[in-house]
């Protein structure tokens, strides 16, 4: 997902959880390669939609190598949105969102579960803790695999959670391996969701459920409208995405992959949610989290500018943070125009 994040690799983690200013992207991208990686990433968004689809795997890998530490610093270990309530902090809403997914899938101790596109494993750990299921998370980012191992150990969940570095279009698991599967705002990175969906279908046992929340354009999106296209491209560039599709295309991908669809809906307004999903990104000074607010984004950008000028953060860091500020702005605009949702939900089943 791509809300506004800040920079934790410039704050090198120590064993007691404190942070110290250190080298940006340590363990992810070599300092001397940051600028060229960012330039190459941005250049992809000057190309046609078909060319961006063809480069989707490379774009996603480079994006998460560059931004994972930003995400953890600004959003925590769960890189996704949730229905929001004014009585809850964002992290509470996110955790409840994850728990509802576990309950809907009927996860129980002893089940083997796939998390397709797991990030640094925040949802995986939350779901394993509540369900007792053993979860295998797949991510294309080598750096995220490093983080998963450390965070699983710190949470005392290494016996239930593991990370596997792989492209979810080519899963390294055998047929009929998993009792359930889910993805949270991840398969939008695929050039065509049929790629990961067919692999998930193949690795699920007959009768198993697959559920997820993902990013799609709504029925209010008008292809060819100048403003809509500008905002849509901003969301894509700010979040490492190929051209996004409407939810009807996601449904078609599930069916074409062999799944029986049991349920679909847009979860933005589920239950007693009374705040827009983009509230943390839109607030001047946000009670939902200062680091994600407009003021927090500005403060972070100035900090990164100083650190890069002082050569504490490598050249290119400020440019990448600018991409994330674009993500913040475009997501808020897309939300207000009601042309996009990050929470299109489905439950599907592999026939017996």
Protein backbone atom coordinates (compact mmCIF):
# COMPACT_ATOMS: atom_id res chain seq x y z
CA UNK A 1 0.00 0.00 0.00
CA UNK A 2 1.18 3.55 -0.32
CA UNK A 3 0.16 6.04 2.34
CA UNK A 4 2.68 8.76 3.16
CA UNK A 5 5.55 7.21 4.99
CA UNK A 6 8.68 8.57 6.54
CA UNK A 7 12.25 7.29 6.76
CA UNK A 8 13.32 4.63 9.22
CA UNK A 9 16.39 3.39 7.61
CA UNK A 10 17.82 6.80 8.28
CA UNK A 11 17.03 5.76 11.85
CA UNK A 12 18.95 2.53 12.23
CA UNK A 13 17.18 0.13 14.60
CA UNK A 14 18.96 -1.05 17.74
CA UNK A 15 18.15 -4.22 19.70
CA UNK A 16 16.19 -2.40 22.40
CA UNK A 17 13.81 -0.89 19.84
CA UNK A 18 15.28 2.61 19.97
CA UNK A 19 16.49 4.20 16.77
CA UNK A 20 19.58 6.14 15.86
CA UNK A 21 20.34 8.16 12.79
CA UNK A 22 22.22 5.91 10.40
CA UNK A 23 22.49 5.03 6.75
CA UNK A 24 19.34 5.17 4.62
CA UNK A 25 18.26 1.86 3.07
CA UNK A 26 20.86 -0.13 4.99
CA UNK A 27 20.26 -3.76 4.01
CA UNK A 28 17.91 -2.85 1.15
CA UNK A 29 19.62 -0.72 -1.51
CA UNK A 30 23.32 0.12 -1.49
CA UNK A 31 23.82 3.83 -0.84
CA UNK A 32 25.56 4.42 -4.15
CA UNK A 33 22.67 2.75 -6.00
CA UNK A 34 19.76 4.66 -4.44
CA UNK A 35 19.76 7.53 -6.96
CA UNK A 36 19.91 5.27 -10.02
CA UNK A 37 17.24 2.96 -8.61
CA UNK A 38 14.89 5.88 -7.96
CA UNK A 39 15.58 7.34 -11.42
CA UNK A 40 14.88 3.98 -13.06
CA UNK A 41 11.67 3.62 -11.04
CA UNK A 42 10.36 7.05 -12.00
CA UNK A 43 11.26 6.52 -15.66
CA UNK A 44 8.87 3.55 -15.79
CA UNK A 45 5.94 5.92 -15.27
CA UNK A 46 6.80 7.87 -18.39
CA UNK A 47 5.98 4.77 -20.43
CA UNK A 48 2.69 3.39 -21.76
CA UNK A 49 0.32 1.30 -19.69
CA UNK A 50 1.32 -1.87 -21.57
CA UNK A 51 5.02 -1.19 -20.96
CA UNK A 52 4.34 -0.62 -17.26
CA UNK A 53 2.42 -3.89 -17.06
CA UNK A 54 5.36 -5.70 -18.65
CA UNK A 55 7.67 -4.21 -16.00
CA UNK A 56 5.31 -4.80 -13.05
CA UNK A 57 7.54 -7.31 -11.25
CA UNK A 58 10.61 -5.06 -11.48
CA UNK A 59 8.62 -1.99 -10.43
CA UNK A 60 7.19 -3.73 -7.37
CA UNK A 61 10.57 -5.13 -6.30
CA UNK A 62 12.37 -1.78 -6.64
CA UNK A 63 9.53 0.05 -4.96
CA UNK A 64 9.53 -2.09 -1.83
CA UNK A 65 13.30 -2.20 -1.64
CA UNK A 66 13.20 1.60 -1.56
CA UNK A 67 10.17 2.28 0.65
CA UNK A 68 9.84 -0.53 3.20
CA UNK A 69 11.58 1.48 5.92
CA UNK A 70 9.48 4.54 5.10
CA UNK A 71 6.36 2.40 5.50
CA UNK A 72 7.37 0.91 8.84
CA UNK A 73 8.26 4.32 10.26
CA UNK A 74 5.06 6.00 9.12
CA UNK A 75 2.45 3.25 9.19
CA UNK A 76 3.75 0.39 11.33
CA UNK A 77 4.15 -3.24 10.28
CA UNK A 78 0.79 -3.57 8.47
CA UNK A 79 0.93 -1.78 5.13
CA UNK A 80 -2.78 -1.33 4.47
CA UNK A 81 -5.88 0.76 5.14
CA UNK A 82 -9.00 -0.10 7.16
CA UNK A 83 -12.52 1.22 7.88
CA UNK A 84 -12.01 3.99 10.44
CA UNK A 85 -13.92 5.08 13.53
CA UNK A 86 -13.35 8.28 15.43
CA UNK A 87 -13.25 6.28 18.68
CA UNK A 88 -10.26 4.19 17.52
CA UNK A 89 -6.67 4.90 16.61
CA UNK A 90 -5.67 3.83 13.11
CA UNK A 91 -3.61 0.91 14.41
CA UNK A 92 -6.64 -0.44 16.28
CA UNK A 93 -8.79 -0.24 13.15
CA UNK A 94 -6.12 -1.99 11.11
CA UNK A 95 -5.80 -4.81 13.63
CA UNK A 96 -9.58 -5.31 13.72
CA UNK A 97 -9.63 -5.40 9.91
CA UNK A 98 -7.06 -8.22 9.96
CA UNK A 99 -8.90 -10.15 12.65
CA UNK A 100 -12.16 -10.01 10.67
CA UNK A 101 -10.36 -11.57 7.72
CA UNK A 102 -9.12 -14.44 9.89
CA UNK A 103 -12.63 -15.03 11.24
CA UNK A 104 -14.21 -14.95 7.77
CA UNK A 105 -11.73 -17.57 6.56
CA UNK A 106 -12.44 -19.72 9.62
CA UNK A 107 -8.76 -20.06 10.47
CA UNK A 108 -7.88 -22.50 13.24
CA UNK A 109 -4.79 -24.05 14.86
CA UNK A 110 -3.12 -26.58 12.58
CA UNK A 111 -4.23 -24.97 9.31
CA UNK A 112 -1.62 -23.97 6.72
CA UNK A 113 -2.32 -20.54 5.26
CA UNK A 114 -0.81 -18.48 2.45
CA UNK A 115 -0.34 -14.70 2.71
CA UNK A 116 0.29 -13.52 -0.88
CA UNK A 117 2.28 -10.30 -0.84
CA UNK A 118 2.93 -10.15 2.89
CA UNK A 119 5.11 -7.05 3.28
CA UNK A 120 7.06 -7.26 6.55
CA UNK A 121 4.44 -9.61 7.99
CA UNK A 122 2.33 -7.40 10.24
CA UNK A 123 -0.99 -8.96 9.17
CA UNK A 124 0.57 -12.43 9.17
CA UNK A 125 1.63 -12.12 12.80
CA UNK A 126 -1.69 -10.62 13.89
CA UNK A 127 -3.67 -13.37 12.15
CA UNK A 128 -1.40 -16.16 13.42
CA UNK A 129 -1.67 -14.85 16.96
CA UNK A 130 -5.49 -14.84 16.93
CA UNK A 131 -6.00 -18.07 14.97
CA UNK A 132 -3.07 -20.32 15.82
CA UNK A 133 -2.70 -21.12 12.10
CA UNK A 134 0.72 -21.57 10.51
CA UNK A 135 1.15 -18.84 7.90
CA UNK A 136 3.59 -18.64 5.01
CA UNK A 137 4.04 -15.12 3.69
CA UNK A 138 5.39 -14.49 0.20
CA UNK A 139 7.11 -11.24 -0.82
CA UNK A 140 9.23 -10.27 -3.80
CA UNK A 141 11.45 -8.00 -1.67
CA UNK A 142 14.65 -9.54 -0.24
CA UNK A 143 14.78 -6.78 2.36
CA UNK A 144 11.29 -7.55 3.57
CA UNK A 145 12.35 -11.17 4.11
CA UNK A 146 15.11 -9.91 6.40
CA UNK A 147 12.62 -7.82 8.34
CA UNK A 148 10.11 -10.70 8.61
CA UNK A 149 12.68 -12.97 10.24
CA UNK A 150 13.65 -10.36 12.82
CA UNK A 151 10.08 -9.27 13.57
CA UNK A 152 8.76 -12.85 13.82
CA UNK A 153 11.48 -13.65 16.33
CA UNK A 154 10.82 -10.48 18.31
CA UNK A 155 7.09 -11.30 18.48
CA UNK A 156 7.77 -14.90 19.52
CA UNK A 157 5.91 -16.20 16.44
CA UNK A 158 8.65 -17.86 14.41
CA UNK A 159 6.95 -21.22 15.01
CA UNK A 160 3.79 -20.00 13.26
CA UNK A 161 5.06 -17.45 10.70
CA UNK A 162 7.62 -17.68 7.93
CA UNK A 163 8.57 -15.52 4.97
CA UNK A 164 9.46 -16.84 1.52
CA UNK A 165 11.09 -14.65 -1.13
CA UNK A 166 9.17 -15.34 -4.34
CA UNK A 167 7.12 -13.82 -7.12
CA UNK A 168 3.47 -14.61 -6.37
CA UNK A 169 2.98 -15.18 -10.10
CA UNK A 170 5.29 -18.22 -9.73
CA UNK A 171 4.82 -19.70 -6.28
CA UNK A 172 7.41 -22.32 -5.25
CA UNK A 173 4.84 -24.42 -3.37
CA UNK A 174 3.34 -27.72 -4.49
CA UNK A 175 -0.26 -28.15 -5.62
CA UNK A 176 -2.89 -28.48 -2.85
CA UNK A 177 -0.59 -27.21 -0.09
CA UNK A 178 -2.71 -24.68 1.78
CA UNK A 179 -5.96 -24.87 3.75
CA UNK A 180 -6.71 -21.17 3.11
CA UNK A 181 -5.18 -18.09 1.50
CA UNK A 182 -5.52 -14.32 1.66
CA UNK A 183 -4.02 -11.17 0.24
CA UNK A 184 -4.25 -7.63 1.58
CA UNK A 185 -3.72 -4.77 -0.88
CA UNK A 186 -1.01 -6.73 -2.68
CA UNK A 187 -2.20 -8.32 -5.93
CA UNK A 188 -2.84 -4.84 -7.36
CA UNK A 189 0.92 -4.96 -8.07
CA UNK A 190 0.42 -7.77 -10.57
CA UNK A 191 0.31 -6.92 -14.28
CA UNK A 192 -2.76 -9.20 -14.46
CA UNK A 193 -4.31 -10.62 -11.29
CA UNK A 194 -4.86 -13.90 -13.09
CA UNK A 195 -1.15 -14.52 -12.50
CA UNK A 196 -1.24 -14.65 -8.69
CA UNK A 197 -4.86 -15.84 -8.53
CA UNK A 198 -4.13 -18.94 -10.64
CA UNK A 199 -1.10 -19.73 -8.49
CA UNK A 200 -3.13 -19.31 -5.31
CA UNK A 201 -5.83 -21.55 -6.79
CA UNK A 202 -3.21 -24.19 -7.68
CA UNK A 203 -1.66 -24.25 -4.21
CA UNK A 204 -4.98 -24.35 -2.31
CA UNK A 205 -6.61 -27.62 -1.33
CA UNK A 206 -10.00 -28.37 -2.93
CA UNK A 207 -12.77 -26.61 -1.01
CA UNK A 208 -10.39 -24.06 0.53
CA UNK A 209 -11.25 -20.36 0.80
CA UNK A 210 -9.37 -17.38 -0.61
CA UNK A 211 -10.22 -13.91 0.66
CA UNK A 212 -8.72 -10.48 0.33
CA UNK A 213 -8.96 -6.71 0.23
CA UNK A 214 -7.48 -4.91 -2.76
CA UNK A 215 -7.17 -1.66 -4.70
CA UNK A 216 -9.55 -0.99 -7.60
CA UNK A 217 -11.20 1.90 -9.41
CA UNK A 218 -14.88 2.42 -8.62
CA UNK A 219 -17.81 2.90 -10.99
CA UNK A 220 -17.32 6.68 -10.63
CA UNK A 221 -13.98 6.53 -12.43
CA UNK A 222 -14.30 7.83 -16.01
CA UNK A 223 -11.59 6.56 -18.35
CA UNK A 224 -10.21 9.41 -20.40
CA UNK A 225 -11.31 12.15 -17.98
CA UNK A 226 -8.23 14.37 -17.56
CA UNK A 227 -8.58 14.85 -13.80
CA UNK A 228 -9.38 11.21 -13.13
CA UNK A 229 -6.43 10.05 -15.22
CA UNK A 230 -4.04 12.48 -13.49
CA UNK A 231 -5.10 11.28 -10.04
CA UNK A 232 -5.07 7.61 -11.06
CA UNK A 233 -1.51 7.91 -12.42
CA UNK A 234 -0.48 9.66 -9.21
CA UNK A 235 -1.79 6.75 -7.15
CA UNK A 236 0.02 4.28 -9.42
CA UNK A 237 3.35 6.14 -9.46
CA UNK A 238 3.24 6.84 -5.73
CA UNK A 239 2.56 3.18 -4.92
CA UNK A 240 4.50 1.10 -7.44
CA UNK A 241 1.49 -0.07 -9.45
CA UNK A 242 0.69 -1.04 -13.02
CA UNK A 243 -2.50 0.50 -14.46
CA UNK A 244 -5.37 -0.19 -12.05
CA UNK A 245 -8.69 -1.77 -13.07
CA UNK A 246 -12.30 -1.59 -11.90
CA UNK A 247 -13.64 -4.17 -9.46
CA UNK A 248 -15.51 -6.00 -12.22
CA UNK A 249 -12.14 -6.94 -13.72
CA UNK A 250 -10.99 -8.34 -10.36
CA UNK A 251 -14.14 -10.50 -10.22
CA UNK A 252 -13.43 -11.73 -13.75
CA UNK A 253 -9.86 -12.64 -12.76
CA UNK A 254 -11.15 -14.74 -9.85
CA UNK A 255 -13.61 -16.60 -12.09
CA UNK A 256 -11.08 -17.09 -14.88
CA UNK A 257 -8.66 -18.56 -12.32
CA UNK A 258 -11.21 -21.21 -11.34
CA UNK A 259 -12.66 -19.71 -8.17
CA UNK A 260 -16.30 -19.69 -7.14
CA UNK A 261 -17.08 -16.21 -5.75
CA UNK A 262 -19.06 -16.34 -2.51
CA UNK A 263 -19.07 -12.68 -1.49
CA UNK A 264 -17.89 -9.27 -2.67
CA UNK A 265 -18.31 -5.71 -1.37
CA UNK A 266 -16.53 -2.40 -0.89
CA UNK A 267 -15.59 -2.26 2.79
CA UNK A 268 -14.90 1.47 3.05
CA UNK A 269 -18.12 2.06 4.98
CA UNK A 270 -18.43 -1.26 6.78
CA UNK A 271 -20.11 -1.43 10.15
CA UNK A 272 -19.95 1.77 12.15
CA UNK A 273 -17.04 3.33 10.25
CA UNK A 274 -17.59 7.09 10.45
CA UNK A 275 -14.37 8.52 9.01
CA UNK A 276 -13.10 8.42 5.41
CA UNK A 277 -10.44 5.75 4.91
CA UNK A 278 -7.93 8.43 3.85
CA UNK A 279 -8.38 10.54 7.02
CA UNK A 280 -4.84 9.92 8.39
CA UNK A 281 -3.36 11.19 5.12
CA UNK A 282 -5.59 14.26 4.87
CA UNK A 283 -5.36 15.75 8.34
CA UNK A 284 -3.26 18.82 9.00
CA UNK A 285 -2.17 17.41 12.35
CA UNK A 286 -3.69 13.97 12.62
CA UNK A 287 -4.84 12.33 15.81
CA UNK A 288 -4.72 9.14 13.72
CA UNK A 289 -0.94 9.50 13.41
CA UNK A 290 1.23 12.58 13.00
CA UNK A 291 3.73 10.92 10.67
CA UNK A 292 1.00 10.30 8.08
CA UNK A 293 -0.53 13.77 8.28
CA UNK A 294 0.18 16.64 5.89
CA UNK A 295 2.18 18.39 8.62
CA UNK A 296 4.06 15.19 9.38
CA UNK A 297 4.84 14.66 5.70
CA UNK A 298 6.20 18.19 5.38
CA UNK A 299 8.32 17.82 8.53
CA UNK A 300 9.70 14.50 7.35
CA UNK A 301 10.53 15.92 3.93
CA UNK A 302 12.51 18.74 5.52
CA UNK A 303 14.35 16.27 7.77
CA UNK A 304 15.26 14.12 4.77
CA UNK A 305 16.45 17.22 2.88
CA UNK A 306 18.81 18.09 5.74
CA UNK A 307 20.09 14.52 6.12
CA UNK A 308 20.74 14.15 2.41
CA UNK A 309 22.53 17.50 2.25
CA UNK A 310 24.67 16.39 5.21
CA UNK A 311 25.35 13.10 3.36
CA UNK A 312 23.85 11.08 6.21
CA UNK A 313 21.12 9.85 3.86
CA UNK A 314 22.30 8.94 0.33
CA UNK A 315 21.50 10.95 -2.74
CA UNK A 316 18.05 10.02 -4.06
CA UNK A 317 16.42 9.72 -0.64
CA UNK A 318 14.64 13.07 -0.94
CA UNK A 319 13.49 12.22 -4.45
CA UNK A 320 11.94 8.94 -3.26
CA UNK A 321 10.26 10.68 -0.37
CA UNK A 322 8.77 13.00 -2.96
CA UNK A 323 7.24 9.96 -4.66
CA UNK A 324 5.62 9.03 -1.36
CA UNK A 325 4.29 12.55 -0.90
CA UNK A 326 2.71 12.16 -4.34
CA UNK A 327 1.13 8.93 -3.08
CA UNK A 328 -0.34 10.77 -0.11
CA UNK A 329 -1.76 13.57 -2.23
CA UNK A 330 -3.14 11.32 -4.98
CA UNK A 331 -4.78 8.87 -2.57
CA UNK A 332 -6.60 11.69 -0.80
CA UNK A 333 -7.72 13.15 -4.13
CA UNK A 334 -8.89 9.73 -5.36
CA UNK A 335 -10.79 9.22 -2.12
CA UNK A 336 -12.52 12.57 -2.30
CA UNK A 337 -13.44 12.03 -5.95
CA UNK A 338 -14.74 8.58 -4.94
CA UNK A 339 -13.06 7.01 -8.00
CA UNK A 340 -10.93 4.55 -6.01
CA UNK A 341 -11.17 2.17 -3.08
CA UNK A 342 -8.37 0.30 -1.30
CA UNK A 343 -10.83 -2.11 0.28
CA UNK A 344 -12.68 -4.11 -2.35
CA UNK A 345 -13.34 -7.34 -0.46
CA UNK A 346 -14.09 -10.84 -1.66
CA UNK A 347 -14.36 -14.40 -0.44
CA UNK A 348 -13.93 -17.14 -3.04
CA UNK A 349 -13.65 -20.92 -2.92
CA UNK A 350 -11.70 -23.51 -4.84
CA UNK A 351 -14.33 -26.09 -5.87
CA UNK A 352 -14.03 -29.57 -4.39
